[in-house]
């Protein structure tokens, strides 16, 4: 597999985030870096195809956004809704089915098979790598993951997820169960 390409700045990502930075609030730096890490991994799996870059960037800016916009632990559908509404409102022209699929299936445990499989599967694998802090590598070597993590430090992102599970669920245990039931797909 080719060496991983790291882009420290992505104008499209920053523009997309500009609408939500205040809503995400203190969690923004950690979420931003999570988004940059996942984009980097997904684009690597897609051979850094420039034709897919804007779509992948948009999927990842929006993939967890429902945590903050809707204060929901079952945040996939709210995240999809916000992404699809913005796609239409701002006339980005992104395929709504690919946008929805990349968000909807990013927590799928087993490989995704279906429409737009290459993009959805790249996004799914990328999020699993980052969610597991590199314990699940999906074919990437440890040094590539470390390089990406050094470029975009965690900044407490995983702690934020635990805090939100507790805040929205009433306790870490109940929140964890709600998150698992609401977002994990087989």
C-alpha atoms as a PDB file:
ATOM      1  CA  UNK A   1       0.000   0.000   0.000  1.00  0.00           C
ATOM      2  CA  UNK A   2       1.276   3.491  -0.842  1.00  0.00           C
ATOM      3  CA  UNK A   3       2.547   5.912   1.752  1.00  0.00           C
ATOM      4  CA  UNK A   4      -0.197   7.853   3.525  1.00  0.00           C
ATOM      5  CA  UNK A   5      -0.776  11.415   2.312  1.00  0.00           C
ATOM      6  CA  UNK A   6      -1.488  13.957   5.047  1.00  0.00           C
ATOM      7  CA  UNK A   7      -3.075  17.313   4.230  1.00  0.00           C
ATOM      8  CA  UNK A   8      -2.813  19.644   7.208  1.00  0.00           C
ATOM      9  CA  UNK A   9      -5.377  22.114   5.846  1.00  0.00           C
ATOM     10  CA  UNK A  10      -8.516  21.452   3.851  1.00  0.00           C
ATOM     11  CA  UNK A  11     -10.367  24.578   2.730  1.00  0.00           C
ATOM     12  CA  UNK A  12     -13.636  22.718   2.122  1.00  0.00           C
ATOM     13  CA  UNK A  13     -13.573  21.197   5.610  1.00  0.00           C
ATOM     14  CA  UNK A  14     -12.941  24.562   7.232  1.00  0.00           C
ATOM     15  CA  UNK A  15     -15.767  26.152   5.259  1.00  0.00           C
ATOM     16  CA  UNK A  16     -18.183  23.360   6.195  1.00  0.00           C
ATOM     17  CA  UNK A  17     -17.165  23.615   9.844  1.00  0.00           C
ATOM     18  CA  UNK A  18     -17.666  27.393   9.892  1.00  0.00           C
ATOM     19  CA  UNK A  19     -21.436  26.841  10.150  1.00  0.00           C
ATOM     20  CA  UNK A  20     -21.126  24.496  13.143  1.00  0.00           C
ATOM     21  CA  UNK A  21     -18.037  25.563  15.075  1.00  0.00           C
ATOM     22  CA  UNK A  22     -20.059  27.521  17.658  1.00  0.00           C
ATOM     23  CA  UNK A  23     -22.579  24.683  18.064  1.00  0.00           C
ATOM     24  CA  UNK A  24     -19.787  22.161  18.658  1.00  0.00           C
ATOM     25  CA  UNK A  25     -18.189  24.636  21.071  1.00  0.00           C
ATOM     26  CA  UNK A  26     -15.398  23.402  23.323  1.00  0.00           C
ATOM     27  CA  UNK A  27     -15.498  19.986  21.618  1.00  0.00           C
ATOM     28  CA  UNK A  28     -14.528  21.496  18.257  1.00  0.00           C
ATOM     29  CA  UNK A  29     -10.710  20.981  18.314  1.00  0.00           C
ATOM     30  CA  UNK A  30     -11.060  17.276  19.130  1.00  0.00           C
ATOM     31  CA  UNK A  31     -13.846  16.699  16.607  1.00  0.00           C
ATOM     32  CA  UNK A  32     -11.986  18.651  13.928  1.00  0.00           C
ATOM     33  CA  UNK A  33      -8.906  16.459  14.343  1.00  0.00           C
ATOM     34  CA  UNK A  34     -11.050  13.305  14.335  1.00  0.00           C
ATOM     35  CA  UNK A  35     -12.525  14.471  11.021  1.00  0.00           C
ATOM     36  CA  UNK A  36      -9.083  15.179   9.551  1.00  0.00           C
ATOM     37  CA  UNK A  37      -7.791  11.762  10.652  1.00  0.00           C
ATOM     38  CA  UNK A  38     -10.763   9.900   9.182  1.00  0.00           C
ATOM     39  CA  UNK A  39     -10.608  11.842   5.906  1.00  0.00           C
ATOM     40  CA  UNK A  40      -6.913  11.001   5.648  1.00  0.00           C
ATOM     41  CA  UNK A  41      -7.549   7.283   6.164  1.00  0.00           C
ATOM     42  CA  UNK A  42     -10.553   7.145   3.818  1.00  0.00           C
ATOM     43  CA  UNK A  43      -8.779   9.041   1.057  1.00  0.00           C
ATOM     44  CA  UNK A  44      -5.842   6.645   1.413  1.00  0.00           C
ATOM     45  CA  UNK A  45      -8.192   3.686   0.871  1.00  0.00           C
ATOM     46  CA  UNK A  46      -9.613   5.488  -2.180  1.00  0.00           C
ATOM     47  CA  UNK A  47      -6.173   6.051  -3.715  1.00  0.00           C
ATOM     48  CA  UNK A  48      -6.379   9.797  -2.937  1.00  0.00           C
ATOM     49  CA  UNK A  49      -8.730  10.217  -5.895  1.00  0.00           C
ATOM     50  CA  UNK A  50      -9.265  13.997  -6.150  1.00  0.00           C
ATOM     51  CA  UNK A  51     -12.742  13.443  -7.644  1.00  0.00           C
ATOM     52  CA  UNK A  52     -13.871  11.920  -4.319  1.00  0.00           C
ATOM     53  CA  UNK A  53     -12.171  14.338  -1.950  1.00  0.00           C
ATOM     54  CA  UNK A  54     -14.978  16.905  -1.543  1.00  0.00           C
ATOM     55  CA  UNK A  55     -17.531  14.141  -0.987  1.00  0.00           C
ATOM     56  CA  UNK A  56     -15.398  12.335   1.622  1.00  0.00           C
ATOM     57  CA  UNK A  57     -14.644  15.609   3.396  1.00  0.00           C
ATOM     58  CA  UNK A  58     -18.349  16.416   3.566  1.00  0.00           C
ATOM     59  CA  UNK A  59     -19.275  12.950   4.816  1.00  0.00           C
ATOM     60  CA  UNK A  60     -16.818  13.239   7.678  1.00  0.00           C
ATOM     61  CA  UNK A  61     -17.612  16.805   8.707  1.00  0.00           C
ATOM     62  CA  UNK A  62     -21.233  15.685   9.090  1.00  0.00           C
ATOM     63  CA  UNK A  63     -20.865  12.059  10.202  1.00  0.00           C
ATOM     64  CA  UNK A  64     -21.178  12.757  13.958  1.00  0.00           C
ATOM     65  CA  UNK A  65     -22.658  16.275  13.827  1.00  0.00           C
ATOM     66  CA  UNK A  66     -26.019  15.135  15.254  1.00  0.00           C
ATOM     67  CA  UNK A  67     -24.325  14.756  18.636  1.00  0.00           C
ATOM     68  CA  UNK A  68     -24.206  18.548  18.804  1.00  0.00           C
ATOM     69  CA  UNK A  69     -27.021  19.723  16.531  1.00  0.00           C
ATOM     70  CA  UNK A  70     -29.660  17.379  17.939  1.00  0.00           C
ATOM     71  CA  UNK A  71     -28.077  16.293  21.242  1.00  0.00           C
ATOM     72  CA  UNK A  72     -28.805  12.698  20.268  1.00  0.00           C
ATOM     73  CA  UNK A  73     -26.894   9.530  21.101  1.00  0.00           C
ATOM     74  CA  UNK A  74     -28.608   7.838  18.152  1.00  0.00           C
ATOM     75  CA  UNK A  75     -27.047  10.504  15.962  1.00  0.00           C
ATOM     76  CA  UNK A  76     -26.724   8.837  12.556  1.00  0.00           C
ATOM     77  CA  UNK A  77     -30.120   9.863  11.195  1.00  0.00           C
ATOM     78  CA  UNK A  78     -29.899  13.425  12.596  1.00  0.00           C
ATOM     79  CA  UNK A  79     -26.409  13.730  11.073  1.00  0.00           C
ATOM     80  CA  UNK A  80     -27.706  12.466   7.722  1.00  0.00           C
ATOM     81  CA  UNK A  81     -30.587  14.954   7.823  1.00  0.00           C
ATOM     82  CA  UNK A  82     -28.314  17.938   8.497  1.00  0.00           C
ATOM     83  CA  UNK A  83     -25.929  16.864   5.714  1.00  0.00           C
ATOM     84  CA  UNK A  84     -28.700  16.312   3.185  1.00  0.00           C
ATOM     85  CA  UNK A  85     -30.417  19.592   4.042  1.00  0.00           C
ATOM     86  CA  UNK A  86     -27.147  21.539   3.698  1.00  0.00           C
ATOM     87  CA  UNK A  87     -26.344  19.736   0.426  1.00  0.00           C
ATOM     88  CA  UNK A  88     -29.651  20.940  -0.978  1.00  0.00           C
ATOM     89  CA  UNK A  89     -29.654  24.400   0.650  1.00  0.00           C
ATOM     90  CA  UNK A  90     -26.132  25.304  -0.484  1.00  0.00           C
ATOM     91  CA  UNK A  91     -26.446  23.477  -3.824  1.00  0.00           C
ATOM     92  CA  UNK A  92     -23.269  21.442  -3.475  1.00  0.00           C
ATOM     93  CA  UNK A  93     -24.527  18.886  -5.964  1.00  0.00           C
ATOM     94  CA  UNK A  94     -23.229  15.895  -4.011  1.00  0.00           C
ATOM     95  CA  UNK A  95     -25.021  12.604  -4.602  1.00  0.00           C
ATOM     96  CA  UNK A  96     -27.436  12.406  -1.652  1.00  0.00           C
ATOM     97  CA  UNK A  97     -27.385   8.596  -1.599  1.00  0.00           C
ATOM     98  CA  UNK A  98     -23.601   8.470  -1.273  1.00  0.00           C
ATOM     99  CA  UNK A  99     -23.658  11.219   1.351  1.00  0.00           C
ATOM    100  CA  UNK A 100     -26.334   9.382   3.338  1.00  0.00           C
ATOM    101  CA  UNK A 101     -24.615   6.006   2.942  1.00  0.00           C
ATOM    102  CA  UNK A 102     -21.220   7.252   4.086  1.00  0.00           C
ATOM    103  CA  UNK A 103     -22.780   8.635   7.258  1.00  0.00           C
ATOM    104  CA  UNK A 104     -25.318   5.881   7.887  1.00  0.00           C
ATOM    105  CA  UNK A 105     -22.929   2.934   7.608  1.00  0.00           C
ATOM    106  CA  UNK A 106     -19.764   4.341   9.184  1.00  0.00           C
ATOM    107  CA  UNK A 107     -20.273   2.267  12.362  1.00  0.00           C
ATOM    108  CA  UNK A 108     -21.087  -0.971  10.556  1.00  0.00           C
ATOM    109  CA  UNK A 109     -19.176  -3.819  12.163  1.00  0.00           C
ATOM    110  CA  UNK A 110     -18.845  -6.027   9.091  1.00  0.00           C
ATOM    111  CA  UNK A 111     -17.894  -4.943   5.588  1.00  0.00           C
ATOM    112  CA  UNK A 112     -20.440  -2.890   3.703  1.00  0.00           C
ATOM    113  CA  UNK A 113     -21.762  -4.446   0.500  1.00  0.00           C
ATOM    114  CA  UNK A 114     -24.057  -2.402  -1.677  1.00  0.00           C
ATOM    115  CA  UNK A 115     -24.358   0.782  -3.681  1.00  0.00           C
ATOM    116  CA  UNK A 116     -21.310   3.043  -3.603  1.00  0.00           C
ATOM    117  CA  UNK A 117     -19.406   0.301  -1.782  1.00  0.00           C
ATOM    118  CA  UNK A 118     -15.932   1.742  -2.411  1.00  0.00           C
ATOM    119  CA  UNK A 119     -16.730   5.085  -0.748  1.00  0.00           C
ATOM    120  CA  UNK A 120     -18.927   3.766   2.057  1.00  0.00           C
ATOM    121  CA  UNK A 121     -16.435   1.019   2.893  1.00  0.00           C
ATOM    122  CA  UNK A 122     -13.486   3.457   2.888  1.00  0.00           C
ATOM    123  CA  UNK A 123     -15.388   5.700   5.311  1.00  0.00           C
ATOM    124  CA  UNK A 124     -16.389   2.760   7.500  1.00  0.00           C
ATOM    125  CA  UNK A 125     -12.822   1.466   7.752  1.00  0.00           C
ATOM    126  CA  UNK A 126     -11.455   4.961   8.409  1.00  0.00           C
ATOM    127  CA  UNK A 127     -13.814   5.570  11.304  1.00  0.00           C
ATOM    128  CA  UNK A 128     -13.092   2.174  12.856  1.00  0.00           C
ATOM    129  CA  UNK A 129      -9.370   2.909  12.758  1.00  0.00           C
ATOM    130  CA  UNK A 130      -9.859   6.196  14.543  1.00  0.00           C
ATOM    131  CA  UNK A 131     -12.592   5.044  16.946  1.00  0.00           C
ATOM    132  CA  UNK A 132     -10.282   2.232  18.100  1.00  0.00           C
ATOM    133  CA  UNK A 133      -7.287   4.593  18.322  1.00  0.00           C
ATOM    134  CA  UNK A 134      -5.480   2.394  15.815  1.00  0.00           C
ATOM    135  CA  UNK A 135      -6.082  -0.946  17.526  1.00  0.00           C
ATOM    136  CA  UNK A 136      -8.167  -1.907  14.500  1.00  0.00           C
ATOM    137  CA  UNK A 137      -5.982  -1.061  11.511  1.00  0.00           C
ATOM    138  CA  UNK A 138      -7.947  -2.246   8.435  1.00  0.00           C
ATOM    139  CA  UNK A 139      -4.739  -2.917   6.518  1.00  0.00           C
ATOM    140  CA  UNK A 140      -2.862   0.243   7.481  1.00  0.00           C
ATOM    141  CA  UNK A 141       0.469  -0.185   9.202  1.00  0.00           C
ATOM    142  CA  UNK A 142       1.056   1.178  12.702  1.00  0.00           C
ATOM    143  CA  UNK A 143       3.561   3.763  11.511  1.00  0.00           C
ATOM    144  CA  UNK A 144       1.044   5.330   9.089  1.00  0.00           C
ATOM    145  CA  UNK A 145      -1.566   5.579  11.840  1.00  0.00           C
ATOM    146  CA  UNK A 146       0.984   7.069  14.227  1.00  0.00           C
ATOM    147  CA  UNK A 147       1.985   9.622  11.587  1.00  0.00           C
ATOM    148  CA  UNK A 148      -1.657  10.689  11.157  1.00  0.00           C
ATOM    149  CA  UNK A 149      -2.221  10.821  14.930  1.00  0.00           C
ATOM    150  CA  UNK A 150       0.862  13.012  15.351  1.00  0.00           C
ATOM    151  CA  UNK A 151      -0.376  15.392  12.657  1.00  0.00           C
ATOM    152  CA  UNK A 152      -3.861  15.542  14.207  1.00  0.00           C
ATOM    153  CA  UNK A 153      -3.666  14.826  17.953  1.00  0.00           C
ATOM    154  CA  UNK A 154      -6.693  13.380  19.717  1.00  0.00           C
ATOM    155  CA  UNK A 155      -7.259  16.475  21.898  1.00  0.00           C
ATOM    156  CA  UNK A 156      -9.667  14.566  24.113  1.00  0.00           C
ATOM    157  CA  UNK A 157     -12.059  13.481  21.355  1.00  0.00           C
ATOM    158  CA  UNK A 158     -12.682  10.015  22.797  1.00  0.00           C
ATOM    159  CA  UNK A 159     -13.211  11.530  26.272  1.00  0.00           C
ATOM    160  CA  UNK A 160     -15.760  13.880  24.694  1.00  0.00           C
ATOM    161  CA  UNK A 161     -17.704  10.890  23.385  1.00  0.00           C
ATOM    162  CA  UNK A 162     -17.768   9.346  26.860  1.00  0.00           C
ATOM    163  CA  UNK A 163     -18.868  12.652  28.407  1.00  0.00           C
ATOM    164  CA  UNK A 164     -21.661  13.102  25.866  1.00  0.00           C
ATOM    165  CA  UNK A 165     -22.852   9.522  26.444  1.00  0.00           C
ATOM    166  CA  UNK A 166     -23.130  10.315  30.142  1.00  0.00           C
ATOM    167  CA  UNK A 167     -24.670  13.771  29.641  1.00  0.00           C
ATOM    168  CA  UNK A 168     -27.282  12.677  27.101  1.00  0.00           C
ATOM    169  CA  UNK A 169     -27.906   9.225  28.561  1.00  0.00           C
ATOM    170  CA  UNK A 170     -28.046  10.115  32.251  1.00  0.00           C
ATOM    171  CA  UNK A 171     -25.110   7.855  33.086  1.00  0.00           C
ATOM    172  CA  UNK A 172     -22.114   6.427  31.293  1.00  0.00           C
ATOM    173  CA  UNK A 173     -23.665   2.940  31.321  1.00  0.00           C
ATOM    174  CA  UNK A 174     -27.100   3.930  30.021  1.00  0.00           C
ATOM    175  CA  UNK A 175     -25.550   6.373  27.539  1.00  0.00           C
ATOM    176  CA  UNK A 176     -23.179   3.688  26.312  1.00  0.00           C
ATOM    177  CA  UNK A 177     -26.077   1.293  25.753  1.00  0.00           C
ATOM    178  CA  UNK A 178     -28.085   3.972  23.923  1.00  0.00           C
ATOM    179  CA  UNK A 179     -25.130   4.850  21.708  1.00  0.00           C
ATOM    180  CA  UNK A 180     -24.456   1.210  20.876  1.00  0.00           C
ATOM    181  CA  UNK A 181     -28.107   0.494  20.084  1.00  0.00           C
ATOM    182  CA  UNK A 182     -28.475   3.712  18.115  1.00  0.00           C
ATOM    183  CA  UNK A 183     -25.408   3.710  15.893  1.00  0.00           C
ATOM    184  CA  UNK A 184     -23.828   0.269  15.555  1.00  0.00           C
ATOM    185  CA  UNK A 185     -24.905  -1.613  12.440  1.00  0.00           C
ATOM    186  CA  UNK A 186     -24.185  -5.240  11.638  1.00  0.00           C
END
